[in-house]
C-alpha cells in the first residue's frame, strides 16, 4: 500500500508552505522527511492524513485519491503516530493500545474479544507485552512511543505516518523505537517519518525527502542525496559525510569538530 504525492501545493493564507511536492513512499520502505524547522514537514503529514484539504495537487493512497474518502475510510488506510502523547487519564498500556481498534467498530460499540486479541498481538509484536498492565504515564519515553505505535498497528492499516517518533528520547530509547520501526517496514509496512537527525537517514531509511522553503531540495536513496552540499543548503552548517567500516556506515560530522574550532 503506497503513498503518492503529486504536485502538492498548500498555503496558509497568502503564505505558500508547500510548493510542487512530489514523492512516493512504497511498501517495505521507510521514507524520511528532513529539513529545518518550519519547512512544512508536519503540514505535509497533515495533508496526507486528510486533516488539511484545501490544497492543490493529489495525494493517493493505495490507488485512492484521499479527497473522496471519509474519516473512517482514512482510518482504515493510514495510521498516525505523533511526537508525544499525554492522556488526561492514566490508562493502562493495554487500554491505550485498545483505543486504536475504534476505527473498526461502531461509535456505540465496545471492543470485544477480537479487538482485545489484536491489542495483545500488537504488544507482543513490538516486544512490550510485559507492560500490558502498567500505567501508561509510569513507563519510559521509549516504551510510551512503542505503545502509541502498537495503537497504530491495531488499526490494521499498512501505512504509518510518524512525526519525529524519537524526539526527546534518550539514545537507547531512540534505537529501541527506530529498530522496531525498521522491523515493521521489513514486514511490508509503508512508513513515512520526519526526523531532524541526518544520521538516522543513513541507518534506518530507504529513501529521503529533503524540504527547504516549501520545495523539494532532494529525493532519493540516502547515500546518494544526503551530501555535504545538501546539509549546507538545509542547515547552513559545514558538514563532512564520513564513511566507516568499509563504507558500511555513514555519519555526518560538523567540520568545526574535525578542525577543533568550536
Protein backbone atom coordinates (compact mmCIF):
# COMPACT_ATOMS: atom_id res chain seq x y z
CA UNK A 1 0.00 0.00 0.00
CA UNK A 2 1.83 3.09 -1.27
CA UNK A 3 1.54 6.84 -0.70
CA UNK A 4 1.97 9.04 -3.76
CA UNK A 5 2.11 12.83 -3.55
CA UNK A 6 1.80 14.64 -6.87
CA UNK A 7 2.17 18.38 -7.38
CA UNK A 8 1.10 19.18 -3.82
CA UNK A 9 0.75 22.88 -3.05
CA UNK A 10 -0.55 24.26 0.25
CA UNK A 11 -0.76 27.78 1.65
CA UNK A 12 -1.67 29.44 4.93
CA UNK A 13 -3.48 32.44 3.56
CA UNK A 14 -1.05 34.13 1.18
CA UNK A 15 2.00 32.30 2.55
CA UNK A 16 2.88 29.24 0.48
CA UNK A 17 4.21 26.46 2.72
CA UNK A 18 4.43 23.57 0.24
CA UNK A 19 5.01 24.08 -3.48
CA UNK A 20 5.04 21.32 -6.10
CA UNK A 21 5.85 18.48 -3.72
CA UNK A 22 6.28 15.11 -5.42
CA UNK A 23 7.19 11.93 -3.54
CA UNK A 24 6.45 8.22 -3.39
CA UNK A 25 6.53 6.02 -0.28
CA UNK A 26 6.46 2.30 -1.05
CA UNK A 27 5.63 -0.85 0.93
CA UNK A 28 8.59 -2.29 2.79
CA UNK A 29 10.40 1.05 2.92
CA UNK A 30 10.98 3.95 5.29
CA UNK A 31 10.80 7.40 3.70
CA UNK A 32 12.34 10.02 5.98
CA UNK A 33 11.43 13.68 5.57
CA UNK A 34 14.20 16.03 6.64
CA UNK A 35 14.66 19.79 6.71
CA UNK A 36 14.93 22.70 9.15
CA UNK A 37 12.08 23.81 11.40
CA UNK A 38 9.18 25.45 9.62
CA UNK A 39 9.72 23.98 6.15
CA UNK A 40 6.37 22.16 6.12
CA UNK A 41 7.12 18.62 7.29
CA UNK A 42 4.17 18.49 9.68
CA UNK A 43 1.97 20.33 7.16
CA UNK A 44 2.82 17.67 4.58
CA UNK A 45 1.77 14.96 7.02
CA UNK A 46 -1.45 16.78 7.89
CA UNK A 47 -2.32 16.95 4.20
CA UNK A 48 -1.61 13.24 3.74
CA UNK A 49 -3.77 12.44 6.77
CA UNK A 50 -6.65 14.44 5.32
CA UNK A 51 -6.58 16.97 8.17
CA UNK A 52 -5.87 19.78 5.70
CA UNK A 53 -7.86 19.55 2.49
CA UNK A 54 -7.50 22.99 0.91
CA UNK A 55 -4.50 22.04 -1.20
CA UNK A 56 -3.76 21.76 -4.91
CA UNK A 57 -2.43 18.53 -6.35
CA UNK A 58 -3.15 14.92 -5.50
CA UNK A 59 -2.47 12.56 -2.62
CA UNK A 60 -3.09 8.92 -3.49
CA UNK A 61 -3.04 6.04 -1.01
CA UNK A 62 -3.33 2.51 -2.36
CA UNK A 63 -4.69 3.92 -5.61
CA UNK A 64 -7.33 6.05 -3.88
CA UNK A 65 -7.30 9.84 -4.07
CA UNK A 66 -7.93 10.81 -0.46
CA UNK A 67 -10.22 13.70 -1.40
CA UNK A 68 -13.02 11.21 -1.90
CA UNK A 69 -12.51 9.31 1.36
CA UNK A 70 -14.36 9.68 4.64
CA UNK A 71 -12.62 9.96 8.02
CA UNK A 72 -13.45 6.33 8.79
CA UNK A 73 -12.12 5.19 5.41
CA UNK A 74 -8.91 7.14 6.03
CA UNK A 75 -8.52 5.49 9.45
CA UNK A 76 -8.60 2.11 7.73
CA UNK A 77 -5.88 3.12 5.30
CA UNK A 78 -3.40 5.11 7.37
CA UNK A 79 -2.28 5.39 11.00
CA UNK A 80 -0.59 8.36 12.62
CA UNK A 81 1.98 8.43 15.43
CA UNK A 82 2.53 11.94 16.88
CA UNK A 83 5.72 13.17 18.55
CA UNK A 84 4.30 12.65 22.03
CA UNK A 85 1.05 11.72 23.74
CA UNK A 86 -0.05 12.72 27.22
CA UNK A 87 -3.56 11.45 28.01
CA UNK A 88 -5.76 13.23 30.55
CA UNK A 89 -6.32 9.94 32.37
CA UNK A 90 -3.75 7.37 33.40
CA UNK A 91 -4.84 4.47 31.21
CA UNK A 92 -3.06 1.15 31.21
CA UNK A 93 -0.77 0.32 28.29
CA UNK A 94 -3.28 -2.27 27.11
CA UNK A 95 -6.17 0.22 27.15
CA UNK A 96 -4.10 2.80 25.25
CA UNK A 97 -3.48 0.24 22.50
CA UNK A 98 -7.07 -0.98 22.52
CA UNK A 99 -8.24 2.55 21.64
CA UNK A 100 -6.74 2.06 18.19
CA UNK A 101 -9.39 -0.54 17.33
CA UNK A 102 -12.11 2.13 17.29
CA UNK A 103 -11.61 2.50 13.53
CA UNK A 104 -13.21 -0.91 13.03
CA UNK A 105 -16.20 -0.76 15.41
CA UNK A 106 -19.24 1.50 15.51
CA UNK A 107 -19.39 4.57 17.71
CA UNK A 108 -21.87 2.85 20.04
CA UNK A 109 -19.96 -0.44 20.36
CA UNK A 110 -17.29 -1.52 22.79
CA UNK A 111 -14.19 -3.58 21.93
CA UNK A 112 -14.75 -7.31 22.01
CA UNK A 113 -12.54 -10.40 22.10
CA UNK A 114 -11.28 -9.82 18.55
CA UNK A 115 -10.12 -6.29 19.37
CA UNK A 116 -8.52 -7.41 22.64
CA UNK A 117 -6.63 -10.13 20.78
CA UNK A 118 -5.39 -7.56 18.25
CA UNK A 119 -4.13 -5.36 21.09
CA UNK A 120 -2.27 -8.23 22.72
CA UNK A 121 -0.75 -9.26 19.38
CA UNK A 122 0.48 -5.70 18.75
CA UNK A 123 2.08 -5.53 22.20
CA UNK A 124 3.77 -8.87 21.55
CA UNK A 125 4.93 -7.81 18.08
CA UNK A 126 6.68 -4.72 19.47
CA UNK A 127 8.18 -6.57 22.43
CA UNK A 128 6.25 -4.72 25.13
CA UNK A 129 3.72 -7.37 26.19
CA UNK A 130 5.26 -7.30 29.68
CA UNK A 131 3.98 -3.72 30.02
CA UNK A 132 0.36 -4.71 29.37
CA UNK A 133 -1.00 -3.78 32.78
CA UNK A 134 1.42 -0.96 33.57
CA UNK A 135 0.18 2.62 33.78
CA UNK A 136 0.99 4.48 30.55
CA UNK A 137 2.37 7.50 32.39
CA UNK A 138 4.64 5.31 34.53
CA UNK A 139 6.74 3.83 31.73
CA UNK A 140 9.73 5.27 29.88
CA UNK A 141 9.51 7.63 26.93
CA UNK A 142 10.61 4.92 24.51
CA UNK A 143 8.06 2.49 25.93
CA UNK A 144 5.33 5.13 25.60
CA UNK A 145 6.25 5.70 21.97
CA UNK A 146 6.16 1.96 21.26
CA UNK A 147 2.74 1.86 22.92
CA UNK A 148 1.46 4.54 20.53
CA UNK A 149 2.95 2.63 17.59
CA UNK A 150 1.15 -0.50 18.84
CA UNK A 151 -2.06 1.53 18.96
CA UNK A 152 -1.45 2.46 15.31
CA UNK A 153 -0.90 -1.18 14.37
CA UNK A 154 -4.29 -2.31 15.67
CA UNK A 155 -5.93 0.00 13.14
CA UNK A 156 -4.89 -2.79 10.76
CA UNK A 157 -3.54 -0.45 8.13
CA UNK A 158 -0.24 -0.94 6.36
CA UNK A 159 0.63 2.77 6.20
CA UNK A 160 2.28 4.54 9.13
CA UNK A 161 2.98 8.28 9.41
CA UNK A 162 5.35 9.16 12.24
CA UNK A 163 6.08 12.77 13.16
CA UNK A 164 9.54 12.78 14.76
CA UNK A 165 8.95 9.46 16.53
CA UNK A 166 12.13 9.66 18.63
CA UNK A 167 12.05 13.35 19.52
CA UNK A 168 13.03 13.94 23.18
CA UNK A 169 14.07 10.31 23.71
CA UNK A 170 17.47 9.29 25.05
CA UNK A 171 19.87 7.44 22.75
CA UNK A 172 18.89 3.97 23.96
CA UNK A 173 15.17 4.61 23.54
CA UNK A 174 15.78 6.15 20.11
CA UNK A 175 17.42 2.93 18.95
CA UNK A 176 14.68 0.86 20.60
CA UNK A 177 11.94 2.69 18.70
CA UNK A 178 13.78 3.00 15.37
CA UNK A 179 14.72 -0.69 15.32
CA UNK A 180 11.06 -1.61 15.79
CA UNK A 181 10.01 0.79 13.02
CA UNK A 182 12.60 -0.81 10.73
CA UNK A 183 11.18 -4.25 11.52
CA UNK A 184 7.69 -3.06 10.63
CA UNK A 185 8.94 -1.79 7.26
CA UNK A 186 10.54 -5.14 6.59
CA UNK A 187 7.16 -6.76 7.29
CA UNK A 188 5.66 -4.76 4.44
CA UNK A 189 4.51 -1.57 6.12
CA UNK A 190 4.84 1.74 4.26
CA UNK A 191 6.48 4.18 6.66
CA UNK A 192 6.93 7.95 6.43
CA UNK A 193 8.72 9.68 9.26
CA UNK A 194 10.01 13.16 9.98
CA UNK A 195 13.44 13.42 11.57
CA UNK A 196 15.96 16.12 12.43
CA UNK A 197 18.85 13.67 12.60
CA UNK A 198 20.53 13.05 9.21
CA UNK A 199 22.48 10.10 10.65
CA UNK A 200 19.17 8.29 11.17
CA UNK A 201 18.54 8.51 7.44
CA UNK A 202 21.71 6.55 6.78
CA UNK A 203 20.99 3.94 9.45
CA UNK A 204 17.27 3.36 9.06
CA UNK A 205 15.85 4.96 5.90
CA UNK A 206 15.43 3.62 2.40
CA UNK A 207 14.60 6.99 0.84
CA UNK A 208 14.91 10.62 1.88
CA UNK A 209 12.77 13.64 1.04
CA UNK A 210 14.59 16.91 1.83
CA UNK A 211 12.44 20.04 2.07
CA UNK A 212 13.60 23.65 2.05
CA UNK A 213 11.45 26.78 1.73
CA UNK A 214 8.46 24.66 0.75
CA UNK A 215 10.25 22.94 -2.13
CA UNK A 216 11.80 19.51 -2.65
CA UNK A 217 15.55 20.04 -2.46
CA UNK A 218 16.44 16.35 -2.86
CA UNK A 219 14.69 12.99 -3.07
CA UNK A 220 16.25 9.56 -3.33
CA UNK A 221 18.48 6.97 -1.66
CA UNK A 222 20.25 8.38 1.45
CA UNK A 223 23.77 7.51 0.28
CA UNK A 224 23.16 9.44 -2.93
CA UNK A 225 21.25 12.53 -1.76
CA UNK A 226 22.43 13.18 1.82
CA UNK A 227 25.61 15.01 0.91
CA UNK A 228 27.74 17.77 2.39
CA UNK A 229 26.25 20.19 -0.13
CA UNK A 230 22.69 19.23 0.88
CA UNK A 231 23.46 19.67 4.59
CA UNK A 232 24.88 23.13 3.91
CA UNK A 233 21.79 24.14 1.94
CA UNK A 234 19.37 22.74 4.54
CA UNK A 235 21.01 23.76 7.79
CA UNK A 236 23.67 26.33 6.76
CA UNK A 237 26.28 24.21 8.53
CA UNK A 238 29.54 22.84 7.14
CA UNK A 239 29.29 19.07 7.41
CA UNK A 240 31.58 16.27 6.30
CA UNK A 241 29.92 12.96 5.44
CA UNK A 242 32.30 10.32 6.77
CA UNK A 243 32.36 6.65 5.81
CA UNK A 244 33.19 3.98 8.37
CA UNK A 245 33.75 0.22 8.35
CA UNK A 246 34.47 -0.06 4.66
CA UNK A 247 31.66 2.33 3.67
CA UNK A 248 29.06 0.22 5.51
CA UNK A 249 28.24 3.14 7.80
CA UNK A 250 27.98 6.85 7.05
CA UNK A 251 27.70 9.70 9.53
CA UNK A 252 27.53 13.50 9.38
CA UNK A 253 30.27 15.28 11.31
CA UNK A 254 30.47 19.09 11.71
CA UNK A 255 33.71 20.34 10.19
CA UNK A 256 34.20 22.59 13.22
CA UNK A 257 34.59 19.42 15.30
CA UNK A 258 37.05 17.92 12.86
CA UNK A 259 39.06 21.14 12.78
CA UNK A 260 38.68 21.64 16.54
CA UNK A 261 37.40 25.19 16.03
CA UNK A 262 34.40 25.08 18.36
